[in-house]
């Protein structure tokens, strides 16, 4: 898969910038006009067209802190991967809100991020193990 990046300078305040980022259906007009040339919504997914013709489908999925900690614990316990909470987000989504939809399907997850100190990692993984009943 190709990786595209473009740095865009924003002349706005933090509140307005975060408002634009949260506006899932308007990223093509509020965040990346010109970089994204088209956006259609389809049953909660957004279908994006990039300036070079590349198309992508994205879905916004939310997980809570407990789901993140449980996913961190599973990744460490079962796969020996030490990741920060954001790095466990795809795993948390797979075990949580996407579980039924993706059950039995071949799925690839991007798992990244170890920007966490050992004390916080240990605390969050211990809490995740408690939540999963693995203590």
C-alpha atoms as a PDB file:
ATOM      1  CA  UNK A   1       0.000   0.000   0.000  1.00  0.00           C
ATOM      2  CA  UNK A   2       1.315   3.441  -0.867  1.00  0.00           C
ATOM      3  CA  UNK A   3       1.900   5.997   1.845  1.00  0.00           C
ATOM      4  CA  UNK A   4       0.959   9.581   1.184  1.00  0.00           C
ATOM      5  CA  UNK A   5       1.843  12.507   3.374  1.00  0.00           C
ATOM      6  CA  UNK A   6       1.513  16.230   3.061  1.00  0.00           C
ATOM      7  CA  UNK A   7       2.276  18.817   5.699  1.00  0.00           C
ATOM      8  CA  UNK A   8      -0.430  21.446   5.956  1.00  0.00           C
ATOM      9  CA  UNK A   9       0.121  24.635   7.940  1.00  0.00           C
ATOM     10  CA  UNK A  10      -2.937  25.701   9.936  1.00  0.00           C
ATOM     11  CA  UNK A  11      -3.616  29.294  10.831  1.00  0.00           C
ATOM     12  CA  UNK A  12      -6.194  28.570  13.519  1.00  0.00           C
ATOM     13  CA  UNK A  13      -6.567  27.922  17.211  1.00  0.00           C
ATOM     14  CA  UNK A  14      -6.493  24.531  18.908  1.00  0.00           C
ATOM     15  CA  UNK A  15     -10.268  24.409  19.524  1.00  0.00           C
ATOM     16  CA  UNK A  16     -11.036  24.985  15.849  1.00  0.00           C
ATOM     17  CA  UNK A  17      -8.377  22.475  14.739  1.00  0.00           C
ATOM     18  CA  UNK A  18      -9.780  19.736  17.025  1.00  0.00           C
ATOM     19  CA  UNK A  19     -13.319  20.548  15.868  1.00  0.00           C
ATOM     20  CA  UNK A  20     -12.226  20.030  12.256  1.00  0.00           C
ATOM     21  CA  UNK A  21     -10.477  16.740  13.050  1.00  0.00           C
ATOM     22  CA  UNK A  22     -13.575  15.441  14.876  1.00  0.00           C
ATOM     23  CA  UNK A  23     -15.795  16.323  11.882  1.00  0.00           C
ATOM     24  CA  UNK A  24     -15.450  12.841  10.341  1.00  0.00           C
ATOM     25  CA  UNK A  25     -17.587  13.596   7.290  1.00  0.00           C
ATOM     26  CA  UNK A  26     -15.878  16.861   6.364  1.00  0.00           C
ATOM     27  CA  UNK A  27     -12.161  16.027   6.475  1.00  0.00           C
ATOM     28  CA  UNK A  28     -11.926  16.802   2.738  1.00  0.00           C
ATOM     29  CA  UNK A  29     -13.150  20.378   3.268  1.00  0.00           C
ATOM     30  CA  UNK A  30     -11.946  21.227   6.777  1.00  0.00           C
ATOM     31  CA  UNK A  31      -8.616  19.400   7.149  1.00  0.00           C
ATOM     32  CA  UNK A  32      -7.191  18.416   3.780  1.00  0.00           C
ATOM     33  CA  UNK A  33      -8.849  20.298   0.910  1.00  0.00           C
ATOM     34  CA  UNK A  34      -7.026  19.536  -2.317  1.00  0.00           C
ATOM     35  CA  UNK A  35      -5.244  16.544  -0.783  1.00  0.00           C
ATOM     36  CA  UNK A  36      -8.607  14.792  -0.542  1.00  0.00           C
ATOM     37  CA  UNK A  37     -10.720  15.554  -3.575  1.00  0.00           C
ATOM     38  CA  UNK A  38     -13.904  13.668  -2.695  1.00  0.00           C
ATOM     39  CA  UNK A  39     -15.659  12.166   0.306  1.00  0.00           C
ATOM     40  CA  UNK A  40     -18.854  10.134   0.413  1.00  0.00           C
ATOM     41  CA  UNK A  41     -20.435   8.610   3.486  1.00  0.00           C
ATOM     42  CA  UNK A  42     -21.649   5.000   3.206  1.00  0.00           C
ATOM     43  CA  UNK A  43     -23.387   3.491   6.260  1.00  0.00           C
ATOM     44  CA  UNK A  44     -20.973   5.186   8.671  1.00  0.00           C
ATOM     45  CA  UNK A  45     -17.867   4.560   6.573  1.00  0.00           C
ATOM     46  CA  UNK A  46     -16.231   7.352   4.666  1.00  0.00           C
ATOM     47  CA  UNK A  47     -15.092   6.737   1.118  1.00  0.00           C
ATOM     48  CA  UNK A  48     -12.151   8.996   0.308  1.00  0.00           C
ATOM     49  CA  UNK A  49     -10.571   9.943  -2.990  1.00  0.00           C
ATOM     50  CA  UNK A  50      -7.051  11.379  -2.824  1.00  0.00           C
ATOM     51  CA  UNK A  51      -5.555  13.900  -5.239  1.00  0.00           C
ATOM     52  CA  UNK A  52      -3.726  11.097  -7.081  1.00  0.00           C
ATOM     53  CA  UNK A  53      -6.862   8.981  -7.582  1.00  0.00           C
ATOM     54  CA  UNK A  54      -6.188   6.531  -4.733  1.00  0.00           C
ATOM     55  CA  UNK A  55      -9.395   5.538  -2.970  1.00  0.00           C
ATOM     56  CA  UNK A  56      -9.850   4.351   0.600  1.00  0.00           C
ATOM     57  CA  UNK A  57     -12.670   3.273   2.911  1.00  0.00           C
ATOM     58  CA  UNK A  58     -12.409   4.270   6.564  1.00  0.00           C
ATOM     59  CA  UNK A  59     -14.566   3.576   9.580  1.00  0.00           C
ATOM     60  CA  UNK A  60     -14.381   5.442  12.860  1.00  0.00           C
ATOM     61  CA  UNK A  61     -14.538   3.012  15.766  1.00  0.00           C
ATOM     62  CA  UNK A  62     -14.355   4.027  19.415  1.00  0.00           C
ATOM     63  CA  UNK A  63     -13.023   2.010  22.327  1.00  0.00           C
ATOM     64  CA  UNK A  64     -12.825   2.946  25.996  1.00  0.00           C
ATOM     65  CA  UNK A  65      -9.852   2.959  28.348  1.00  0.00           C
ATOM     66  CA  UNK A  66     -10.704  -0.454  29.819  1.00  0.00           C
ATOM     67  CA  UNK A  67     -10.813  -1.999  26.334  1.00  0.00           C
ATOM     68  CA  UNK A  68      -7.402  -0.474  25.575  1.00  0.00           C
ATOM     69  CA  UNK A  69      -5.880  -1.865  28.775  1.00  0.00           C
ATOM     70  CA  UNK A  70      -7.326  -5.330  28.133  1.00  0.00           C
ATOM     71  CA  UNK A  71      -5.918  -5.277  24.604  1.00  0.00           C
ATOM     72  CA  UNK A  72      -2.497  -4.184  25.914  1.00  0.00           C
ATOM     73  CA  UNK A  73      -2.558  -7.102  28.349  1.00  0.00           C
ATOM     74  CA  UNK A  74      -3.547  -9.609  25.643  1.00  0.00           C
ATOM     75  CA  UNK A  75      -0.849  -8.347  23.281  1.00  0.00           C
ATOM     76  CA  UNK A  76       1.783  -8.644  25.995  1.00  0.00           C
ATOM     77  CA  UNK A  77       0.578 -11.945  27.450  1.00  0.00           C
ATOM     78  CA  UNK A  78      -0.113 -13.769  24.178  1.00  0.00           C
ATOM     79  CA  UNK A  79       2.272 -12.136  21.705  1.00  0.00           C
ATOM     80  CA  UNK A  80       4.972 -10.573  23.933  1.00  0.00           C
ATOM     81  CA  UNK A  81       4.330  -7.161  22.359  1.00  0.00           C
ATOM     82  CA  UNK A  82       4.778  -4.134  24.601  1.00  0.00           C
ATOM     83  CA  UNK A  83       2.609  -1.336  23.218  1.00  0.00           C
ATOM     84  CA  UNK A  84       1.175   1.899  24.521  1.00  0.00           C
ATOM     85  CA  UNK A  85      -2.616   2.290  24.722  1.00  0.00           C
ATOM     86  CA  UNK A  86      -2.902   3.883  21.252  1.00  0.00           C
ATOM     87  CA  UNK A  87      -0.899   0.983  19.826  1.00  0.00           C
ATOM     88  CA  UNK A  88      -3.477  -1.442  21.196  1.00  0.00           C
ATOM     89  CA  UNK A  89      -6.456   0.416  19.678  1.00  0.00           C
ATOM     90  CA  UNK A  90      -6.873  -1.869  16.657  1.00  0.00           C
ATOM     91  CA  UNK A  91      -6.766  -4.944  18.887  1.00  0.00           C
ATOM     92  CA  UNK A  92      -9.295  -3.382  21.263  1.00  0.00           C
ATOM     93  CA  UNK A  93     -11.588  -2.614  18.316  1.00  0.00           C
ATOM     94  CA  UNK A  94     -11.259  -6.185  17.031  1.00  0.00           C
ATOM     95  CA  UNK A  95     -12.137  -7.669  20.443  1.00  0.00           C
ATOM     96  CA  UNK A  96     -14.853  -5.060  21.031  1.00  0.00           C
ATOM     97  CA  UNK A  97     -17.078  -3.202  18.572  1.00  0.00           C
ATOM     98  CA  UNK A  98     -15.873  -5.034  15.431  1.00  0.00           C
ATOM     99  CA  UNK A  99     -15.883  -8.540  16.930  1.00  0.00           C
ATOM    100  CA  UNK A 100     -19.147  -9.852  15.481  1.00  0.00           C
ATOM    101  CA  UNK A 101     -18.677  -8.233  12.072  1.00  0.00           C
ATOM    102  CA  UNK A 102     -15.156  -9.598  11.602  1.00  0.00           C
ATOM    103  CA  UNK A 103     -15.555 -13.016  13.264  1.00  0.00           C
ATOM    104  CA  UNK A 104     -14.304 -15.747  10.954  1.00  0.00           C
ATOM    105  CA  UNK A 105     -12.776 -13.301   8.485  1.00  0.00           C
ATOM    106  CA  UNK A 106      -9.124 -12.824   7.656  1.00  0.00           C
ATOM    107  CA  UNK A 107      -8.070  -9.562   9.335  1.00  0.00           C
ATOM    108  CA  UNK A 108      -4.808  -7.637   9.420  1.00  0.00           C
ATOM    109  CA  UNK A 109      -4.120  -5.220  12.275  1.00  0.00           C
ATOM    110  CA  UNK A 110      -1.551  -2.470  12.494  1.00  0.00           C
ATOM    111  CA  UNK A 111      -0.047  -2.615  15.976  1.00  0.00           C
ATOM    112  CA  UNK A 112       2.501   0.045  16.770  1.00  0.00           C
ATOM    113  CA  UNK A 113       3.696   2.363  19.463  1.00  0.00           C
ATOM    114  CA  UNK A 114       5.842   1.809  22.494  1.00  0.00           C
ATOM    115  CA  UNK A 115       5.964   5.397  23.693  1.00  0.00           C
ATOM    116  CA  UNK A 116       5.367   4.480  27.327  1.00  0.00           C
ATOM    117  CA  UNK A 117       7.555   4.129  30.387  1.00  0.00           C
ATOM    118  CA  UNK A 118       7.894   0.794  32.191  1.00  0.00           C
ATOM    119  CA  UNK A 119       5.959   1.881  35.292  1.00  0.00           C
ATOM    120  CA  UNK A 120       2.879   2.999  33.362  1.00  0.00           C
ATOM    121  CA  UNK A 121       3.087  -0.002  31.052  1.00  0.00           C
ATOM    122  CA  UNK A 122       3.170  -2.405  34.018  1.00  0.00           C
ATOM    123  CA  UNK A 123       0.278  -0.603  35.732  1.00  0.00           C
ATOM    124  CA  UNK A 124      -1.930  -0.603  32.609  1.00  0.00           C
ATOM    125  CA  UNK A 125      -1.184  -4.231  31.718  1.00  0.00           C
ATOM    126  CA  UNK A 126      -1.919  -5.296  35.312  1.00  0.00           C
ATOM    127  CA  UNK A 127      -5.248  -3.457  35.145  1.00  0.00           C
ATOM    128  CA  UNK A 128      -5.980  -5.059  31.769  1.00  0.00           C
ATOM    129  CA  UNK A 129      -5.301  -8.503  33.221  1.00  0.00           C
ATOM    130  CA  UNK A 130      -7.661  -7.723  36.129  1.00  0.00           C
ATOM    131  CA  UNK A 131     -10.395  -6.658  33.704  1.00  0.00           C
ATOM    132  CA  UNK A 132      -9.932  -9.859  31.683  1.00  0.00           C
ATOM    133  CA  UNK A 133      -9.915 -12.029  34.818  1.00  0.00           C
ATOM    134  CA  UNK A 134      -6.352 -13.182  34.149  1.00  0.00           C
ATOM    135  CA  UNK A 135      -4.887 -12.311  37.551  1.00  0.00           C
END
